[in-house]
Amino acid sequence: FGVRNGIPGPLVNPLLWLSIGLILGATVMALLSNEFKWKKPNRELFMFALIGGTLMGIGARLAMGCNIGGFFIRAAGGDPGGWVFFAGMGGGAYVSVKFMTWWTSRQLNLDDFDIDMD
């Protein structure tokens, strides 16, 4: 990149090769087990993925990293911000599970089958 900042170039960065290997390995296994096929999501699932990815990106930026840096490292170091992150992550997970339960029951019309999701 022309700047010496201590960060390895993209072609020698091990995380790049880890990501590429993970994607290629999953693709090869899906092909070998005849489970690989292209799927086009409907508009509703596309919007859920777009909104969810955006919210996760915003959360990662607010936490200044992933859950490892946001909670584990901070809480182990005695930083109360780690526990605030944990509370936010737990609250977000709770709301997400409740929303997905509601959405799934709406999609499958579970009320007709007398299935209790609680």
PDB file of N, CA and C in Angstrom:
ATOM      1  N   PHE A   1       0.817  -1.194   0.000  1.00  0.00           N
ATOM      2  CA  PHE A   1       0.000   0.000   0.000  1.00  0.00           C
ATOM      3  C   PHE A   1       0.856   1.251   0.000  1.00  0.00           C
ATOM      4  N   GLY A   2       2.143   1.116   0.155  1.00  0.00           N
ATOM      5  CA  GLY A   2       3.028   2.267   0.114  1.00  0.00           C
ATOM      6  C   GLY A   2       3.218   2.944   1.451  1.00  0.00           C
ATOM      7  N   VAL A   3       2.496   2.529   2.464  1.00  0.00           N
ATOM      8  CA  VAL A   3       2.622   3.136   3.782  1.00  0.00           C
ATOM      9  C   VAL A   3       3.036   2.051   4.761  1.00  0.00           C
ATOM     10  N   ARG A   4       4.026   2.327   5.560  1.00  0.00           N
ATOM     11  CA  ARG A   4       4.464   1.351   6.564  1.00  0.00           C
ATOM     12  C   ARG A   4       3.715   1.624   7.864  1.00  0.00           C
ATOM     13  N   ASN A   5       2.692   0.863   8.081  1.00  0.00           N
ATOM     14  CA  ASN A   5       1.890   1.049   9.278  1.00  0.00           C
ATOM     15  C   ASN A   5       1.821  -0.211  10.133  1.00  0.00           C
ATOM     16  N   GLY A   6       2.591  -1.214   9.797  1.00  0.00           N
ATOM     17  CA  GLY A   6       2.604  -2.441  10.577  1.00  0.00           C
ATOM     18  C   GLY A   6       1.548  -3.449  10.179  1.00  0.00           C
ATOM     19  N   ILE A   7       0.647  -3.075   9.298  1.00  0.00           N
ATOM     20  CA  ILE A   7      -0.397  -3.987   8.845  1.00  0.00           C
ATOM     21  C   ILE A   7       0.118  -4.729   7.620  1.00  0.00           C
ATOM     22  N   PRO A   8       0.032  -6.065   7.616  1.00  0.00           N
ATOM     23  CA  PRO A   8       0.521  -6.795   6.443  1.00  0.00           C
ATOM     24  C   PRO A   8      -0.320  -6.494   5.210  1.00  0.00           C
ATOM     25  N   GLY A   9       0.308  -6.599   4.049  1.00  0.00           N
ATOM     26  CA  GLY A   9      -0.410  -6.405   2.799  1.00  0.00           C
ATOM     27  C   GLY A   9      -1.524  -7.427   2.663  1.00  0.00           C
ATOM     28  N   PRO A  10      -2.493  -7.155   1.807  1.00  0.00           N
ATOM     29  CA  PRO A  10      -3.656  -8.046   1.722  1.00  0.00           C
ATOM     30  C   PRO A  10      -3.320  -9.470   1.300  1.00  0.00           C
ATOM     31  N   LEU A  11      -2.302  -9.659   0.485  1.00  0.00           N
ATOM     32  CA  LEU A  11      -2.001 -11.009   0.007  1.00  0.00           C
ATOM     33  C   LEU A  11      -1.250 -11.848   1.026  1.00  0.00           C
ATOM     34  N   VAL A  12      -0.670 -11.235   2.041  1.00  0.00           N
ATOM     35  CA  VAL A  12       0.032 -11.999   3.071  1.00  0.00           C
ATOM     36  C   VAL A  12      -0.713 -11.973   4.403  1.00  0.00           C
ATOM     37  N   ASN A  13      -1.902 -11.412   4.414  1.00  0.00           N
ATOM     38  CA  ASN A  13      -2.700 -11.360   5.631  1.00  0.00           C
ATOM     39  C   ASN A  13      -3.353 -12.725   5.854  1.00  0.00           C
ATOM     40  N   PRO A  14      -3.057 -13.392   6.965  1.00  0.00           N
ATOM     41  CA  PRO A  14      -3.616 -14.736   7.174  1.00  0.00           C
ATOM     42  C   PRO A  14      -5.139 -14.754   7.283  1.00  0.00           C
ATOM     43  N   LEU A  15      -5.752 -13.668   7.734  1.00  0.00           N
ATOM     44  CA  LEU A  15      -7.211 -13.656   7.836  1.00  0.00           C
ATOM     45  C   LEU A  15      -7.873 -13.699   6.462  1.00  0.00           C
ATOM     46  N   LEU A  16      -7.223 -13.120   5.454  1.00  0.00           N
ATOM     47  CA  LEU A  16      -7.753 -13.203   4.094  1.00  0.00           C
ATOM     48  C   LEU A  16      -7.797 -14.654   3.643  1.00  0.00           C
ATOM     49  N   TRP A  17      -6.698 -15.369   3.852  1.00  0.00           N
ATOM     50  CA  TRP A  17      -6.632 -16.755   3.405  1.00  0.00           C
ATOM     51  C   TRP A  17      -7.536 -17.656   4.242  1.00  0.00           C
ATOM     52  N   LEU A  18      -7.717 -17.330   5.508  1.00  0.00           N
ATOM     53  CA  LEU A  18      -8.665 -18.073   6.335  1.00  0.00           C
ATOM     54  C   LEU A  18     -10.081 -17.919   5.794  1.00  0.00           C
ATOM     55  N   SER A  19     -10.455 -16.702   5.448  1.00  0.00           N
ATOM     56  CA  SER A  19     -11.800 -16.453   4.913  1.00  0.00           C
ATOM     57  C   SER A  19     -11.998 -17.146   3.571  1.00  0.00           C
ATOM     58  N   ILE A  20     -11.012 -17.042   2.692  1.00  0.00           N
ATOM     59  CA  ILE A  20     -11.109 -17.687   1.376  1.00  0.00           C
ATOM     60  C   ILE A  20     -11.198 -19.204   1.537  1.00  0.00           C
ATOM     61  N   GLY A  21     -10.371 -19.774   2.413  1.00  0.00           N
ATOM     62  CA  GLY A  21     -10.405 -21.216   2.649  1.00  0.00           C
ATOM     63  C   GLY A  21     -11.726 -21.684   3.218  1.00  0.00           C
ATOM     64  N   LEU A  22     -12.300 -20.900   4.105  1.00  0.00           N
ATOM     65  CA  LEU A  22     -13.594 -21.248   4.696  1.00  0.00           C
ATOM     66  C   LEU A  22     -14.685 -21.279   3.631  1.00  0.00           C
ATOM     67  N   ILE A  23     -14.707 -20.261   2.779  1.00  0.00           N
ATOM     68  CA  ILE A  23     -15.725 -20.192   1.726  1.00  0.00           C
ATOM     69  C   ILE A  23     -15.525 -21.309   0.704  1.00  0.00           C
ATOM     70  N   LEU A  24     -14.281 -21.517   0.280  1.00  0.00           N
ATOM     71  CA  LEU A  24     -14.018 -22.572  -0.702  1.00  0.00           C
ATOM     72  C   LEU A  24     -14.301 -23.960  -0.123  1.00  0.00           C
ATOM     73  N   GLY A  25     -13.922 -24.189   1.126  1.00  0.00           N
ATOM     74  CA  GLY A  25     -14.181 -25.481   1.760  1.00  0.00           C
ATOM     75  C   GLY A  25     -15.667 -25.776   1.873  1.00  0.00           C
ATOM     76  N   ALA A  26     -16.442 -24.775   2.273  1.00  0.00           N
ATOM     77  CA  ALA A  26     -17.889 -24.963   2.375  1.00  0.00           C
ATOM     78  C   ALA A  26     -18.500 -25.217   1.000  1.00  0.00           C
ATOM     79  N   THR A  27     -17.997 -24.523  -0.016  1.00  0.00           N
ATOM     80  CA  THR A  27     -18.508 -24.715  -1.374  1.00  0.00           C
ATOM     81  C   THR A  27     -18.198 -26.119  -1.882  1.00  0.00           C
ATOM     82  N   VAL A  28     -16.967 -26.580  -1.668  1.00  0.00           N
ATOM     83  CA  VAL A  28     -16.581 -27.918  -2.120  1.00  0.00           C
ATOM     84  C   VAL A  28     -17.431 -28.983  -1.427  1.00  0.00           C
ATOM     85  N   MET A  29     -17.629 -28.855  -0.123  1.00  0.00           N
ATOM     86  CA  MET A  29     -18.439 -29.847   0.592  1.00  0.00           C
ATOM     87  C   MET A  29     -19.896 -29.820   0.136  1.00  0.00           C
ATOM     88  N   ALA A  30     -20.435 -28.634  -0.133  1.00  0.00           N
ATOM     89  CA  ALA A  30     -21.813 -28.552  -0.628  1.00  0.00           C
ATOM     90  C   ALA A  30     -21.925 -29.187  -2.006  1.00  0.00           C
ATOM     91  N   LEU A  31     -20.917 -28.985  -2.855  1.00  0.00           N
ATOM     92  CA  LEU A  31     -20.930 -29.600  -4.182  1.00  0.00           C
ATOM     93  C   LEU A  31     -20.805 -31.118  -4.086  1.00  0.00           C
ATOM     94  N   LEU A  32     -19.921 -31.602  -3.222  1.00  0.00           N
ATOM     95  CA  LEU A  32     -19.724 -33.045  -3.090  1.00  0.00           C
ATOM     96  C   LEU A  32     -20.953 -33.749  -2.518  1.00  0.00           C
ATOM     97  N   SER A  33     -21.717 -33.069  -1.693  1.00  0.00           N
ATOM     98  CA  SER A  33     -22.906 -33.686  -1.100  1.00  0.00           C
ATOM     99  C   SER A  33     -24.177 -33.359  -1.882  1.00  0.00           C
ATOM    100  N   ASN A  34     -24.027 -32.760  -3.056  1.00  0.00           N
ATOM    101  CA  ASN A  34     -25.153 -32.392  -3.927  1.00  0.00           C
ATOM    102  C   ASN A  34     -26.179 -31.506  -3.224  1.00  0.00           C
ATOM    103  N   GLU A  35     -25.712 -30.618  -2.369  1.00  0.00           N
ATOM    104  CA  GLU A  35     -26.605 -29.698  -1.678  1.00  0.00           C
ATOM    105  C   GLU A  35     -26.410 -28.255  -2.126  1.00  0.00           C
ATOM    106  N   PHE A  36     -25.585 -28.032  -3.131  1.00  0.00           N
ATOM    107  CA  PHE A  36     -25.305 -26.675  -3.584  1.00  0.00           C
ATOM    108  C   PHE A  36     -26.328 -26.266  -4.631  1.00  0.00           C
ATOM    109  N   LYS A  37     -26.975 -25.151  -4.398  1.00  0.00           N
ATOM    110  CA  LYS A  37     -27.824 -24.571  -5.431  1.00  0.00           C
ATOM    111  C   LYS A  37     -27.999 -23.090  -5.126  1.00  0.00           C
ATOM    112  N   TRP A  38     -28.144 -22.330  -6.175  1.00  0.00           N
ATOM    113  CA  TRP A  38     -28.342 -20.892  -6.033  1.00  0.00           C
ATOM    114  C   TRP A  38     -29.786 -20.640  -5.651  1.00  0.00           C
ATOM    115  N   LYS A  39     -29.978 -19.773  -4.694  1.00  0.00           N
ATOM    116  CA  LYS A  39     -31.327 -19.443  -4.249  1.00  0.00           C
ATOM    117  C   LYS A  39     -31.500 -17.935  -4.308  1.00  0.00           C
ATOM    118  N   LYS A  40     -32.657 -17.535  -4.762  1.00  0.00           N
ATOM    119  CA  LYS A  40     -32.969 -16.113  -4.799  1.00  0.00           C
ATOM    120  C   LYS A  40     -33.984 -15.833  -3.691  1.00  0.00           C
ATOM    121  N   PRO A  41     -33.600 -15.018  -2.700  1.00  0.00           N
ATOM    122  CA  PRO A  41     -34.546 -14.758  -1.612  1.00  0.00           C
ATOM    123  C   PRO A  41     -35.691 -13.877  -2.083  1.00  0.00           C
ATOM    124  N   ASN A  42     -36.826 -14.025  -1.418  1.00  0.00           N
ATOM    125  CA  ASN A  42     -37.926 -13.133  -1.755  1.00  0.00           C
ATOM    126  C   ASN A  42     -37.631 -11.746  -1.182  1.00  0.00           C
ATOM    127  N   ARG A  43     -38.456 -10.801  -1.515  1.00  0.00           N
ATOM    128  CA  ARG A  43     -38.211  -9.406  -1.128  1.00  0.00           C
ATOM    129  C   ARG A  43     -38.177  -9.228   0.390  1.00  0.00           C
ATOM    130  N   GLU A  44     -39.055  -9.934   1.098  1.00  0.00           N
ATOM    131  CA  GLU A  44     -39.123  -9.790   2.553  1.00  0.00           C
ATOM    132  C   GLU A  44     -37.843 -10.291   3.223  1.00  0.00           C
ATOM    133  N   LEU A  45     -37.358 -11.469   2.822  1.00  0.00           N
ATOM    134  CA  LEU A  45     -36.123 -11.988   3.391  1.00  0.00           C
ATOM    135  C   LEU A  45     -34.930 -11.115   3.024  1.00  0.00           C
ATOM    136  N   PHE A  46     -34.930 -10.577   1.822  1.00  0.00           N
ATOM    137  CA  PHE A  46     -33.859  -9.675   1.410  1.00  0.00           C
ATOM    138  C   PHE A  46     -33.826  -8.439   2.302  1.00  0.00           C
ATOM    139  N   MET A  47     -34.990  -7.874   2.591  1.00  0.00           N
ATOM    140  CA  MET A  47     -35.045  -6.685   3.448  1.00  0.00           C
ATOM    141  C   MET A  47     -34.614  -7.022   4.876  1.00  0.00           C
ATOM    142  N   PHE A  48     -35.016  -8.191   5.390  1.00  0.00           N
ATOM    143  CA  PHE A  48     -34.568  -8.604   6.725  1.00  0.00           C
ATOM    144  C   PHE A  48     -33.046  -8.720   6.764  1.00  0.00           C
ATOM    145  N   ALA A  49     -32.468  -9.334   5.736  1.00  0.00           N
ATOM    146  CA  ALA A  49     -31.017  -9.490   5.697  1.00  0.00           C
ATOM    147  C   ALA A  49     -30.321  -8.137   5.598  1.00  0.00           C
ATOM    148  N   LEU A  50     -30.862  -7.247   4.794  1.00  0.00           N
ATOM    149  CA  LEU A  50     -30.266  -5.916   4.640  1.00  0.00           C
ATOM    150  C   LEU A  50     -30.337  -5.126   5.944  1.00  0.00           C
ATOM    151  N   ILE A  51     -31.492  -5.129   6.575  1.00  0.00           N
ATOM    152  CA  ILE A  51     -31.655  -4.392   7.836  1.00  0.00           C
ATOM    153  C   ILE A  51     -30.814  -5.032   8.943  1.00  0.00           C
ATOM    154  N   GLY A  52     -30.828  -6.355   9.030  1.00  0.00           N
ATOM    155  CA  GLY A  52     -30.039  -7.042  10.056  1.00  0.00           C
ATOM    156  C   GLY A  52     -28.551  -6.823   9.884  1.00  0.00           C
ATOM    157  N   GLY A  53     -28.065  -6.899   8.656  1.00  0.00           N
ATOM    158  CA  GLY A  53     -26.648  -6.650   8.402  1.00  0.00           C
ATOM    159  C   GLY A  53     -26.249  -5.223   8.726  1.00  0.00           C
ATOM    160  N   THR A  54     -27.127  -4.285   8.395  1.00  0.00           N
ATOM    161  CA  THR A  54     -26.856  -2.882   8.716  1.00  0.00           C
ATOM    162  C   THR A  54     -26.798  -2.673  10.222  1.00  0.00           C
ATOM    163  N   LEU A  55     -27.753  -3.241  10.949  1.00  0.00           N
ATOM    164  CA  LEU A  55     -27.748  -3.099  12.406  1.00  0.00           C
ATOM    165  C   LEU A  55     -26.526  -3.770  13.037  1.00  0.00           C
ATOM    166  N   MET A  56     -26.109  -4.914  12.507  1.00  0.00           N
ATOM    167  CA  MET A  56     -24.915  -5.568  13.036  1.00  0.00           C
ATOM    168  C   MET A  56     -23.672  -4.742  12.752  1.00  0.00           C
ATOM    169  N   GLY A  57     -23.602  -4.129  11.582  1.00  0.00           N
ATOM    170  CA  GLY A  57     -22.472  -3.265  11.267  1.00  0.00           C
ATOM    171  C   GLY A  57     -22.419  -2.049  12.173  1.00  0.00           C
ATOM    172  N   ILE A  58     -23.569  -1.440  12.419  1.00  0.00           N
ATOM    173  CA  ILE A  58     -23.621  -0.289  13.326  1.00  0.00           C
ATOM    174  C   ILE A  58     -23.221  -0.719  14.735  1.00  0.00           C
ATOM    175  N   GLY A  59     -23.723  -1.863  15.180  1.00  0.00           N
ATOM    176  CA  GLY A  59     -23.366  -2.356  16.511  1.00  0.00           C
ATOM    177  C   GLY A  59     -21.886  -2.662  16.641  1.00  0.00           C
ATOM    178  N   ALA A  60     -21.297  -3.236  15.592  1.00  0.00           N
ATOM    179  CA  ALA A  60     -19.864  -3.529  15.633  1.00  0.00           C
ATOM    180  C   ALA A  60     -19.042  -2.251  15.688  1.00  0.00           C
ATOM    181  N   ARG A  61     -19.479  -1.220  14.984  1.00  0.00           N
ATOM    182  CA  ARG A  61     -18.759   0.056  15.033  1.00  0.00           C
ATOM    183  C   ARG A  61     -18.915   0.724  16.394  1.00  0.00           C
ATOM    184  N   LEU A  62     -20.109   0.663  16.965  1.00  0.00           N
ATOM    185  CA  LEU A  62     -20.311   1.251  18.294  1.00  0.00           C
ATOM    186  C   LEU A  62     -19.487   0.528  19.353  1.00  0.00           C
ATOM    187  N   ALA A  63     -19.356  -0.783  19.213  1.00  0.00           N
ATOM    188  CA  ALA A  63     -18.587  -1.567  20.175  1.00  0.00           C
ATOM    189  C   ALA A  63     -17.099  -1.532  19.864  1.00  0.00           C
ATOM    190  N   MET A  64     -16.728  -0.882  18.783  1.00  0.00           N
ATOM    191  CA  MET A  64     -15.339  -0.794  18.324  1.00  0.00           C
ATOM    192  C   MET A  64     -14.737  -2.182  18.104  1.00  0.00           C
ATOM    193  N   GLY A  65     -15.476  -3.033  17.451  1.00  0.00           N
ATOM    194  CA  GLY A  65     -14.993  -4.362  17.123  1.00  0.00           C
ATOM    195  C   GLY A  65     -16.079  -5.404  17.274  1.00  0.00           C
ATOM    196  N   CYS A  66     -15.661  -6.631  17.382  1.00  0.00           N
ATOM    197  CA  CYS A  66     -16.615  -7.737  17.491  1.00  0.00           C
ATOM    198  C   CYS A  66     -16.912  -8.022  18.959  1.00  0.00           C
ATOM    199  N   ASN A  67     -17.619  -9.114  19.216  1.00  0.00           N
ATOM    200  CA  ASN A  67     -17.971  -9.431  20.601  1.00  0.00           C
ATOM    201  C   ASN A  67     -16.763  -9.835  21.431  1.00  0.00           C
ATOM    202  N   ILE A  68     -15.697 -10.289  20.794  1.00  0.00           N
ATOM    203  CA  ILE A  68     -14.484 -10.623  21.549  1.00  0.00           C
ATOM    204  C   ILE A  68     -13.907  -9.357  22.172  1.00  0.00           C
ATOM    205  N   GLY A  69     -13.723  -8.328  21.339  1.00  0.00           N
ATOM    206  CA  GLY A  69     -13.178  -7.076  21.855  1.00  0.00           C
ATOM    207  C   GLY A  69     -14.186  -6.272  22.641  1.00  0.00           C
ATOM    208  N   GLY A  70     -15.463  -6.379  22.262  1.00  0.00           N
ATOM    209  CA  GLY A  70     -16.491  -5.579  22.910  1.00  0.00           C
ATOM    210  C   GLY A  70     -16.855  -6.066  24.296  1.00  0.00           C
ATOM    211  N   PHE A  71     -16.827  -7.364  24.507  1.00  0.00           N
ATOM    212  CA  PHE A  71     -17.214  -7.879  25.822  1.00  0.00           C
ATOM    213  C   PHE A  71     -16.063  -8.558  26.549  1.00  0.00           C
ATOM    214  N   PHE A  72     -15.543  -9.640  25.982  1.00  0.00           N
ATOM    215  CA  PHE A  72     -14.607 -10.480  26.717  1.00  0.00           C
ATOM    216  C   PHE A  72     -13.354  -9.728  27.154  1.00  0.00           C
ATOM    217  N   ILE A  73     -12.736  -9.015  26.249  1.00  0.00           N
ATOM    218  CA  ILE A  73     -11.500  -8.319  26.591  1.00  0.00           C
ATOM    219  C   ILE A  73     -11.779  -7.165  27.541  1.00  0.00           C
ATOM    220  N   ARG A  74     -12.836  -6.412  27.275  1.00  0.00           N
ATOM    221  CA  ARG A  74     -13.149  -5.272  28.138  1.00  0.00           C
ATOM    222  C   ARG A  74     -13.571  -5.710  29.532  1.00  0.00           C
ATOM    223  N   ALA A  75     -14.455  -6.691  29.623  1.00  0.00           N
ATOM    224  CA  ALA A  75     -14.920  -7.142  30.937  1.00  0.00           C
ATOM    225  C   ALA A  75     -13.770  -7.757  31.733  1.00  0.00           C
ATOM    226  N   ALA A  76     -12.903  -8.509  31.062  1.00  0.00           N
ATOM    227  CA  ALA A  76     -11.755  -9.098  31.756  1.00  0.00           C
ATOM    228  C   ALA A  76     -10.797  -8.021  32.254  1.00  0.00           C
ATOM    229  N   GLY A  77     -10.749  -6.903  31.547  1.00  0.00           N
ATOM    230  CA  GLY A  77      -9.892  -5.799  31.965  1.00  0.00           C
ATOM    231  C   GLY A  77     -10.538  -4.877  32.983  1.00  0.00           C
ATOM    232  N   GLY A  78     -11.762  -5.165  33.388  1.00  0.00           N
ATOM    233  CA  GLY A  78     -12.431  -4.350  34.391  1.00  0.00           C
ATOM    234  C   GLY A  78     -13.155  -3.140  33.841  1.00  0.00           C
ATOM    235  N   ASP A  79     -13.319  -3.061  32.537  1.00  0.00           N
ATOM    236  CA  ASP A  79     -14.000  -1.920  31.923  1.00  0.00           C
ATOM    237  C   ASP A  79     -15.511  -2.142  31.990  1.00  0.00           C
ATOM    238  N   PRO A  80     -16.261  -1.232  32.619  1.00  0.00           N
ATOM    239  CA  PRO A  80     -17.717  -1.412  32.675  1.00  0.00           C
ATOM    240  C   PRO A  80     -18.375  -1.352  31.303  1.00  0.00           C
ATOM    241  N   GLY A  81     -17.693  -0.775  30.313  1.00  0.00           N
ATOM    242  CA  GLY A  81     -18.244  -0.734  28.964  1.00  0.00           C
ATOM    243  C   GLY A  81     -18.461  -2.119  28.389  1.00  0.00           C
ATOM    244  N   GLY A  82     -17.676  -3.091  28.822  1.00  0.00           N
ATOM    245  CA  GLY A  82     -17.875  -4.466  28.377  1.00  0.00           C
ATOM    246  C   GLY A  82     -19.205  -5.022  28.835  1.00  0.00           C
ATOM    247  N   TRP A  83     -19.600  -4.686  30.059  1.00  0.00           N
ATOM    248  CA  TRP A  83     -20.877  -5.157  30.581  1.00  0.00           C
ATOM    249  C   TRP A  83     -22.037  -4.418  29.933  1.00  0.00           C
ATOM    250  N   VAL A  84     -21.829  -3.160  29.584  1.00  0.00           N
ATOM    251  CA  VAL A  84     -22.866  -2.423  28.846  1.00  0.00           C
ATOM    252  C   VAL A  84     -23.064  -3.066  27.477  1.00  0.00           C
ATOM    253  N   PHE A  85     -21.948  -3.418  26.829  1.00  0.00           N
ATOM    254  CA  PHE A  85     -22.021  -4.108  25.541  1.00  0.00           C
ATOM    255  C   PHE A  85     -22.767  -5.435  25.688  1.00  0.00           C
ATOM    256  N   PHE A  86     -22.461  -6.181  26.750  1.00  0.00           N
ATOM    257  CA  PHE A  86     -23.109  -7.471  26.984  1.00  0.00           C
ATOM    258  C   PHE A  86     -24.615  -7.305  27.171  1.00  0.00           C
ATOM    259  N   ALA A  87     -25.015  -6.288  27.919  1.00  0.00           N
ATOM    260  CA  ALA A  87     -26.446  -6.032  28.122  1.00  0.00           C
ATOM    261  C   ALA A  87     -27.123  -5.672  26.803  1.00  0.00           C
ATOM    262  N   GLY A  88     -26.468  -4.845  26.000  1.00  0.00           N
ATOM    263  CA  GLY A  88     -27.029  -4.486  24.699  1.00  0.00           C
ATOM    264  C   GLY A  88     -27.107  -5.673  23.762  1.00  0.00           C
ATOM    265  N   MET A  89     -26.068  -6.508  23.780  1.00  0.00           N
ATOM    266  CA  MET A  89     -26.068  -7.686  22.925  1.00  0.00           C
ATOM    267  C   MET A  89     -27.157  -8.662  23.368  1.00  0.00           C
ATOM    268  N   GLY A  90     -27.294  -8.856  24.670  1.00  0.00           N
ATOM    269  CA  GLY A  90     -28.341  -9.746  25.176  1.00  0.00           C
ATOM    270  C   GLY A  90     -29.729  -9.223  24.869  1.00  0.00           C
ATOM    271  N   GLY A  91     -29.933  -7.919  25.046  1.00  0.00           N
ATOM    272  CA  GLY A  91     -31.232  -7.319  24.722  1.00  0.00           C
ATOM    273  C   GLY A  91     -31.555  -7.424  23.246  1.00  0.00           C
ATOM    274  N   GLY A  92     -30.554  -7.190  22.404  1.00  0.00           N
ATOM    275  CA  GLY A  92     -30.761  -7.314  20.967  1.00  0.00           C
ATOM    276  C   GLY A  92     -31.073  -8.740  20.550  1.00  0.00           C
ATOM    277  N   ALA A  93     -30.410  -9.705  21.177  1.00  0.00           N
ATOM    278  CA  ALA A  93     -30.687 -11.111  20.879  1.00  0.00           C
ATOM    279  C   ALA A  93     -32.103 -11.482  21.307  1.00  0.00           C
ATOM    280  N   TYR A  94     -32.533 -10.995  22.459  1.00  0.00           N
ATOM    281  CA  TYR A  94     -33.886 -11.279  22.950  1.00  0.00           C
ATOM    282  C   TYR A  94     -34.938 -10.720  21.991  1.00  0.00           C
ATOM    283  N   VAL A  95     -34.761  -9.460  21.585  1.00  0.00           N
ATOM    284  CA  VAL A  95     -35.714  -8.835  20.657  1.00  0.00           C
ATOM    285  C   VAL A  95     -35.717  -9.576  19.322  1.00  0.00           C
ATOM    286  N   SER A  96     -34.538  -9.985  18.855  1.00  0.00           N
ATOM    287  CA  SER A  96     -34.446 -10.703  17.582  1.00  0.00           C
ATOM    288  C   SER A  96     -35.163 -12.041  17.637  1.00  0.00           C
ATOM    289  N   VAL A  97     -34.981 -12.771  18.730  1.00  0.00           N
ATOM    290  CA  VAL A  97     -35.651 -14.069  18.863  1.00  0.00           C
ATOM    291  C   VAL A  97     -37.163 -13.888  18.916  1.00  0.00           C
ATOM    292  N   LYS A  98     -37.628 -12.895  19.655  1.00  0.00           N
ATOM    293  CA  LYS A  98     -39.069 -12.635  19.723  1.00  0.00           C
ATOM    294  C   LYS A  98     -39.618 -12.259  18.345  1.00  0.00           C
ATOM    295  N   PHE A  99     -38.885 -11.424  17.607  1.00  0.00           N
ATOM    296  CA  PHE A  99     -39.333 -11.026  16.278  1.00  0.00           C
ATOM    297  C   PHE A  99     -39.370 -12.222  15.335  1.00  0.00           C
ATOM    298  N   MET A 100     -38.316 -13.040  15.347  1.00  0.00           N
ATOM    299  CA  MET A 100     -38.281 -14.188  14.441  1.00  0.00           C
ATOM    300  C   MET A 100     -39.351 -15.212  14.807  1.00  0.00           C
ATOM    301  N   THR A 101     -39.662 -15.362  16.093  1.00  0.00           N
ATOM    302  CA  THR A 101     -40.750 -16.251  16.502  1.00  0.00           C
ATOM    303  C   THR A 101     -42.078 -15.738  15.964  1.00  0.00           C
ATOM    304  N   TRP A 102     -42.297 -14.441  16.096  1.00  0.00           N
ATOM    305  CA  TRP A 102     -43.532 -13.842  15.574  1.00  0.00           C
ATOM    306  C   TRP A 102     -43.607 -14.002  14.062  1.00  0.00           C
ATOM    307  N   TRP A 103     -42.511 -13.721  13.371  1.00  0.00           N
ATOM    308  CA  TRP A 103     -42.505 -13.788  11.915  1.00  0.00           C
ATOM    309  C   TRP A 103     -42.711 -15.220  11.434  1.00  0.00           C
ATOM    310  N   THR A 104     -42.067 -16.176  12.087  1.00  0.00           N
ATOM    311  CA  THR A 104     -42.221 -17.574  11.691  1.00  0.00           C
ATOM    312  C   THR A 104     -43.651 -18.049  11.911  1.00  0.00           C
ATOM    313  N   SER A 105     -44.236 -17.675  13.046  1.00  0.00           N
ATOM    314  CA  SER A 105     -45.619 -18.099  13.287  1.00  0.00           C
ATOM    315  C   SER A 105     -46.574 -17.448  12.294  1.00  0.00           C
ATOM    316  N   ARG A 106     -46.270 -16.231  11.882  1.00  0.00           N
ATOM    317  CA  ARG A 106     -47.094 -15.570  10.865  1.00  0.00           C
ATOM    318  C   ARG A 106     -46.948 -16.275   9.527  1.00  0.00           C
ATOM    319  N   GLN A 107     -45.731 -16.677   9.193  1.00  0.00           N
ATOM    320  CA  GLN A 107     -45.495 -17.343   7.911  1.00  0.00           C
ATOM    321  C   GLN A 107     -46.142 -18.724   7.862  1.00  0.00           C
ATOM    322  N   LEU A 108     -46.077 -19.443   8.940  1.00  0.00           N
ATOM    323  CA  LEU A 108     -46.580 -20.818   8.948  1.00  0.00           C
ATOM    324  C   LEU A 108     -48.010 -20.939   9.441  1.00  0.00           C
ATOM    325  N   ASN A 109     -48.598 -19.824   9.869  1.00  0.00           N
ATOM    326  CA  ASN A 109     -49.952 -19.837  10.432  1.00  0.00           C
ATOM    327  C   ASN A 109     -50.081 -20.891  11.523  1.00  0.00           C
ATOM    328  N   LEU A 110     -49.194 -20.803  12.505  1.00  0.00           N
ATOM    329  CA  LEU A 110     -49.181 -21.799  13.578  1.00  0.00           C
ATOM    330  C   LEU A 110     -50.431 -21.752  14.437  1.00  0.00           C
ATOM    331  N   ASP A 111     -51.176 -20.670  14.369  1.00  0.00           N
ATOM    332  CA  ASP A 111     -52.414 -20.605  15.143  1.00  0.00           C
ATOM    333  C   ASP A 111     -53.406 -21.666  14.676  1.00  0.00           C
ATOM    334  N   ASP A 112     -53.356 -22.028  13.400  1.00  0.00           N
ATOM    335  CA  ASP A 112     -54.264 -23.050  12.873  1.00  0.00           C
ATOM    336  C   ASP A 112     -53.907 -24.442  13.378  1.00  0.00           C
ATOM    337  N   PHE A 113     -52.650 -24.634  13.797  1.00  0.00           N
ATOM    338  CA  PHE A 113     -52.201 -25.946  14.234  1.00  0.00           C
ATOM    339  C   PHE A 113     -52.219 -26.100  15.749  1.00  0.00           C
ATOM    340  N   ASP A 114     -52.654 -25.077  16.472  1.00  0.00           N
ATOM    341  CA  ASP A 114     -52.689 -25.086  17.940  1.00  0.00           C
ATOM    342  C   ASP A 114     -51.316 -25.364  18.546  1.00  0.00           C
ATOM    343  N   ILE A 115     -50.287 -24.740  17.995  1.00  0.00           N
ATOM    344  CA  ILE A 115     -48.936 -24.873  18.533  1.00  0.00           C
ATOM    345  C   ILE A 115     -48.620 -23.615  19.316  1.00  0.00           C
ATOM    346  N   ASP A 116     -48.184 -23.794  20.565  1.00  0.00           N
ATOM    347  CA  ASP A 116     -47.837 -22.658  21.417  1.00  0.00           C
ATOM    348  C   ASP A 116     -46.332 -22.415  21.313  1.00  0.00           C
ATOM    349  N   MET A 117     -45.927 -21.217  20.881  1.00  0.00           N
ATOM    350  CA  MET A 117     -44.512 -20.893  20.708  1.00  0.00           C
ATOM    351  C   MET A 117     -43.871 -20.366  21.984  1.00  0.00           C
ATOM    352  N   ASP A 118     -44.645 -20.141  23.040  1.00  0.00           N
ATOM    353  CA  ASP A 118     -44.064 -19.607  24.278  1.00  0.00           C
ATOM    354  C   ASP A 118     -43.549 -20.739  25.060  1.00  0.00           C
TER     355      ASP A 118
END
